[in-house]
N, C-alpha and C. Protein backbone atom coordinates (compact mmCIF):
# COMPACT_ATOMS: atom_id res chain seq x y z
N MET A 1 3.77 31.56 -5.12
CA MET A 1 5.02 32.08 -5.66
C MET A 1 5.13 33.56 -5.29
N PRO A 2 6.33 33.96 -4.91
CA PRO A 2 6.51 35.38 -4.58
C PRO A 2 6.47 36.25 -5.83
N THR A 3 6.09 37.49 -5.62
CA THR A 3 6.11 38.44 -6.74
C THR A 3 7.57 38.76 -7.05
N ALA A 4 7.81 39.45 -8.15
CA ALA A 4 9.18 39.81 -8.54
C ALA A 4 9.82 40.67 -7.46
N GLU A 5 9.05 41.59 -6.89
CA GLU A 5 9.58 42.47 -5.84
C GLU A 5 9.90 41.68 -4.58
N GLU A 6 9.00 40.76 -4.19
CA GLU A 6 9.25 39.93 -3.01
C GLU A 6 10.48 39.04 -3.23
N ASN A 7 10.60 38.50 -4.44
CA ASN A 7 11.73 37.64 -4.75
C ASN A 7 13.05 38.43 -4.66
N LYS A 8 13.03 39.65 -5.13
CA LYS A 8 14.23 40.49 -5.08
C LYS A 8 14.65 40.71 -3.63
N LYS A 9 13.68 40.98 -2.74
CA LYS A 9 13.97 41.17 -1.32
C LYS A 9 14.53 39.89 -0.70
N ILE A 10 13.97 38.76 -1.07
CA ILE A 10 14.44 37.47 -0.55
C ILE A 10 15.88 37.22 -0.98
N VAL A 11 16.16 37.43 -2.26
CA VAL A 11 17.51 37.20 -2.78
C VAL A 11 18.51 38.15 -2.12
N THR A 12 18.13 39.41 -1.95
CA THR A 12 19.01 40.39 -1.30
C THR A 12 19.32 39.96 0.14
N ALA A 13 18.30 39.55 0.87
CA ALA A 13 18.49 39.09 2.25
C ALA A 13 19.36 37.84 2.29
N ALA A 14 19.14 36.92 1.36
CA ALA A 14 19.92 35.68 1.33
C ALA A 14 21.38 35.96 1.03
N LYS A 15 21.66 36.91 0.14
CA LYS A 15 23.05 37.24 -0.21
C LYS A 15 23.79 37.83 0.99
N LYS A 16 23.08 38.48 1.89
CA LYS A 16 23.70 39.07 3.08
C LYS A 16 23.95 38.02 4.17
N ASP A 17 23.22 36.91 4.11
CA ASP A 17 23.35 35.85 5.12
C ASP A 17 24.41 34.85 4.66
N PRO A 18 25.54 34.72 5.38
CA PRO A 18 26.59 33.80 4.94
C PRO A 18 26.17 32.33 4.97
N ASP A 19 25.12 32.01 5.71
CA ASP A 19 24.66 30.61 5.79
C ASP A 19 23.54 30.30 4.79
N ALA A 20 23.10 31.28 4.03
CA ALA A 20 21.97 31.06 3.12
C ALA A 20 22.26 31.69 1.76
N LYS A 21 23.16 31.09 1.02
CA LYS A 21 23.50 31.61 -0.30
C LYS A 21 22.50 31.07 -1.33
N PRO A 22 22.10 31.89 -2.28
CA PRO A 22 21.21 31.40 -3.34
C PRO A 22 21.92 30.33 -4.17
N LEU A 23 21.15 29.44 -4.73
CA LEU A 23 21.71 28.39 -5.58
C LEU A 23 22.24 29.00 -6.87
N THR A 24 23.29 28.39 -7.39
CA THR A 24 23.84 28.85 -8.66
C THR A 24 22.96 28.33 -9.80
N ALA A 25 23.16 28.87 -10.98
CA ALA A 25 22.41 28.41 -12.15
C ALA A 25 22.68 26.93 -12.42
N ALA A 26 23.92 26.49 -12.22
CA ALA A 26 24.27 25.08 -12.44
C ALA A 26 23.55 24.19 -11.43
N GLN A 27 23.46 24.65 -10.17
CA GLN A 27 22.76 23.87 -9.15
C GLN A 27 21.27 23.77 -9.47
N LEU A 28 20.69 24.88 -9.87
CA LEU A 28 19.26 24.87 -10.23
C LEU A 28 18.99 23.96 -11.41
N LYS A 29 19.88 23.97 -12.39
CA LYS A 29 19.70 23.14 -13.59
C LYS A 29 19.78 21.64 -13.24
N GLY A 30 20.59 21.31 -12.23
CA GLY A 30 20.76 19.92 -11.84
C GLY A 30 19.66 19.37 -10.96
N MET A 31 18.75 20.21 -10.54
CA MET A 31 17.68 19.77 -9.65
C MET A 31 16.60 19.03 -10.44
N VAL A 32 15.97 18.06 -9.76
CA VAL A 32 14.86 17.32 -10.37
C VAL A 32 13.65 17.46 -9.46
N PRO A 33 12.46 17.43 -10.02
CA PRO A 33 11.26 17.53 -9.18
C PRO A 33 11.20 16.38 -8.17
N LEU A 34 10.80 16.66 -6.95
CA LEU A 34 10.72 15.65 -5.91
C LEU A 34 9.82 14.49 -6.33
N LYS A 35 8.78 14.80 -7.07
CA LYS A 35 7.84 13.77 -7.49
C LYS A 35 8.53 12.66 -8.30
N SER A 36 9.59 13.02 -9.04
CA SER A 36 10.25 12.03 -9.89
C SER A 36 11.17 11.09 -9.12
N VAL A 37 11.50 11.39 -7.88
CA VAL A 37 12.39 10.53 -7.10
C VAL A 37 11.69 9.86 -5.93
N ARG A 38 10.42 10.14 -5.72
CA ARG A 38 9.68 9.56 -4.61
C ARG A 38 9.01 8.26 -5.02
N GLY A 39 8.72 7.46 -4.04
CA GLY A 39 7.94 6.25 -4.26
C GLY A 39 8.77 5.08 -4.74
N ARG A 40 8.07 4.04 -5.13
CA ARG A 40 8.72 2.81 -5.58
C ARG A 40 9.27 3.00 -6.98
N PRO A 41 10.31 2.25 -7.30
CA PRO A 41 10.81 2.28 -8.68
C PRO A 41 9.74 1.75 -9.63
N LYS A 42 9.71 2.29 -10.83
CA LYS A 42 8.73 1.83 -11.82
C LYS A 42 9.07 0.41 -12.25
N SER A 43 8.07 -0.44 -12.28
CA SER A 43 8.25 -1.83 -12.65
C SER A 43 8.13 -1.99 -14.16
N GLU A 44 8.92 -2.92 -14.69
CA GLU A 44 8.80 -3.23 -16.12
C GLU A 44 7.51 -4.00 -16.37
N ASN A 45 7.07 -4.78 -15.37
CA ASN A 45 5.85 -5.56 -15.48
C ASN A 45 4.74 -4.85 -14.73
N LYS A 46 4.09 -3.93 -15.41
CA LYS A 46 3.01 -3.18 -14.76
C LYS A 46 1.84 -4.10 -14.49
N LYS A 47 1.27 -3.93 -13.31
CA LYS A 47 0.10 -4.72 -12.93
C LYS A 47 -1.13 -3.85 -13.04
N LEU A 48 -2.27 -4.48 -13.22
CA LEU A 48 -3.54 -3.78 -13.37
C LEU A 48 -4.32 -3.82 -12.07
N LEU A 49 -4.96 -2.73 -11.73
CA LEU A 49 -5.79 -2.67 -10.55
C LEU A 49 -7.18 -3.17 -10.93
N VAL A 50 -7.65 -4.20 -10.22
CA VAL A 50 -8.99 -4.75 -10.48
C VAL A 50 -9.68 -5.00 -9.14
N SER A 51 -10.96 -5.17 -9.20
CA SER A 51 -11.74 -5.53 -8.03
C SER A 51 -12.20 -6.97 -8.21
N VAL A 52 -11.84 -7.83 -7.26
CA VAL A 52 -12.13 -9.27 -7.36
C VAL A 52 -12.68 -9.75 -6.02
N ARG A 53 -13.56 -10.72 -6.08
CA ARG A 53 -14.09 -11.31 -4.85
C ARG A 53 -13.52 -12.72 -4.71
N TYR A 54 -12.95 -13.01 -3.52
CA TYR A 54 -12.42 -14.33 -3.21
C TYR A 54 -13.15 -14.88 -1.99
N SER A 55 -13.14 -16.19 -1.85
CA SER A 55 -13.78 -16.80 -0.68
C SER A 55 -12.97 -16.43 0.57
N PRO A 56 -13.65 -16.36 1.71
CA PRO A 56 -12.96 -16.01 2.96
C PRO A 56 -11.79 -16.94 3.28
N GLU A 57 -11.94 -18.22 2.93
CA GLU A 57 -10.88 -19.19 3.23
C GLU A 57 -9.61 -18.88 2.44
N VAL A 58 -9.79 -18.51 1.16
CA VAL A 58 -8.64 -18.19 0.31
C VAL A 58 -7.92 -16.96 0.85
N LEU A 59 -8.69 -15.91 1.16
CA LEU A 59 -8.06 -14.70 1.69
C LEU A 59 -7.39 -14.95 3.04
N ALA A 60 -8.04 -15.70 3.90
CA ALA A 60 -7.46 -15.99 5.22
C ALA A 60 -6.14 -16.73 5.06
N TYR A 61 -6.10 -17.67 4.13
CA TYR A 61 -4.86 -18.42 3.90
C TYR A 61 -3.73 -17.50 3.46
N PHE A 62 -3.96 -16.73 2.41
CA PHE A 62 -2.89 -15.89 1.89
C PHE A 62 -2.50 -14.78 2.86
N LYS A 63 -3.48 -14.15 3.50
CA LYS A 63 -3.15 -13.11 4.48
C LYS A 63 -2.37 -13.70 5.65
N GLY A 64 -2.66 -14.95 5.97
CA GLY A 64 -1.95 -15.64 7.06
C GLY A 64 -0.49 -15.90 6.77
N THR A 65 -0.10 -15.77 5.50
CA THR A 65 1.31 -15.98 5.15
C THR A 65 2.15 -14.74 5.40
N GLY A 66 1.52 -13.65 5.82
CA GLY A 66 2.27 -12.45 6.19
C GLY A 66 2.37 -11.43 5.08
N GLU A 67 3.24 -10.44 5.33
CA GLU A 67 3.43 -9.35 4.38
C GLU A 67 3.85 -9.89 3.01
N GLY A 68 3.29 -9.30 1.97
CA GLY A 68 3.58 -9.76 0.61
C GLY A 68 2.61 -10.82 0.12
N TRP A 69 1.52 -11.00 0.87
CA TRP A 69 0.57 -12.06 0.52
C TRP A 69 -0.04 -11.85 -0.87
N GLN A 70 -0.23 -10.59 -1.26
CA GLN A 70 -0.83 -10.34 -2.57
C GLN A 70 0.11 -10.77 -3.70
N SER A 71 1.40 -10.55 -3.51
CA SER A 71 2.38 -10.98 -4.51
C SER A 71 2.43 -12.50 -4.57
N ARG A 72 2.34 -13.16 -3.42
CA ARG A 72 2.33 -14.63 -3.44
C ARG A 72 1.08 -15.16 -4.14
N MET A 73 -0.06 -14.50 -3.89
CA MET A 73 -1.29 -14.91 -4.55
C MET A 73 -1.14 -14.74 -6.07
N ASP A 74 -0.54 -13.63 -6.48
CA ASP A 74 -0.30 -13.40 -7.90
C ASP A 74 0.60 -14.49 -8.47
N GLY A 75 1.62 -14.89 -7.71
CA GLY A 75 2.53 -15.94 -8.16
C GLY A 75 1.82 -17.27 -8.37
N VAL A 76 0.92 -17.61 -7.46
CA VAL A 76 0.15 -18.86 -7.58
C VAL A 76 -0.72 -18.80 -8.83
N LEU A 77 -1.38 -17.68 -9.05
CA LEU A 77 -2.24 -17.54 -10.23
C LEU A 77 -1.42 -17.56 -11.53
N ARG A 78 -0.26 -16.92 -11.52
CA ARG A 78 0.60 -16.92 -12.71
C ARG A 78 1.08 -18.33 -13.03
N GLU A 79 1.42 -19.09 -11.99
CA GLU A 79 1.86 -20.48 -12.20
C GLU A 79 0.72 -21.30 -12.81
N TYR A 80 -0.48 -21.11 -12.30
CA TYR A 80 -1.65 -21.82 -12.83
C TYR A 80 -1.83 -21.48 -14.31
N VAL A 81 -1.77 -20.20 -14.64
CA VAL A 81 -1.95 -19.76 -16.02
C VAL A 81 -0.88 -20.37 -16.93
N SER A 82 0.38 -20.39 -16.48
CA SER A 82 1.46 -20.93 -17.31
C SER A 82 1.27 -22.41 -17.58
N LYS A 83 0.68 -23.15 -16.64
CA LYS A 83 0.44 -24.58 -16.82
C LYS A 83 -0.73 -24.86 -17.76
N GLN A 84 -1.62 -23.88 -17.94
CA GLN A 84 -2.81 -24.09 -18.76
C GLN A 84 -2.51 -24.00 -20.25
N GLY A 85 -1.44 -23.33 -20.63
CA GLY A 85 -1.12 -23.17 -22.04
C GLY A 85 -1.91 -22.02 -22.63
N PRO A 86 -1.65 -21.73 -23.92
CA PRO A 86 -2.33 -20.58 -24.57
C PRO A 86 -3.83 -20.80 -24.65
N ARG A 87 -4.55 -19.70 -24.47
CA ARG A 87 -6.03 -19.74 -24.56
C ARG A 87 -6.45 -18.86 -25.71
N ARG A 88 -7.50 -19.26 -26.37
CA ARG A 88 -8.07 -18.46 -27.44
C ARG A 88 -9.27 -17.71 -26.91
N ARG A 89 -9.38 -16.46 -27.33
CA ARG A 89 -10.55 -15.67 -26.92
C ARG A 89 -11.74 -16.02 -27.79
N ALA A 90 -12.89 -16.03 -27.16
CA ALA A 90 -14.12 -16.37 -27.89
C ALA A 90 -14.64 -15.18 -28.64
């Protein structure tokens, strides 16, 4: 961040340049941090990151279905779970 004196020099130079006007207070207020608009939209169904081991045949099959294979694998597992009915924890 520039010091107050450096900032003053920058603003003075910008005011003299017709192509580089400082932002107004309203424009600054309307700005949002770049971090909040980058990346994928937040999902309502958050998924958990886990480490799992699968047999080579299972991975080869799903990876062979192309991009999105992990979502398809999740779909197959979700379908299996829904068919099993409620489970009680021990």
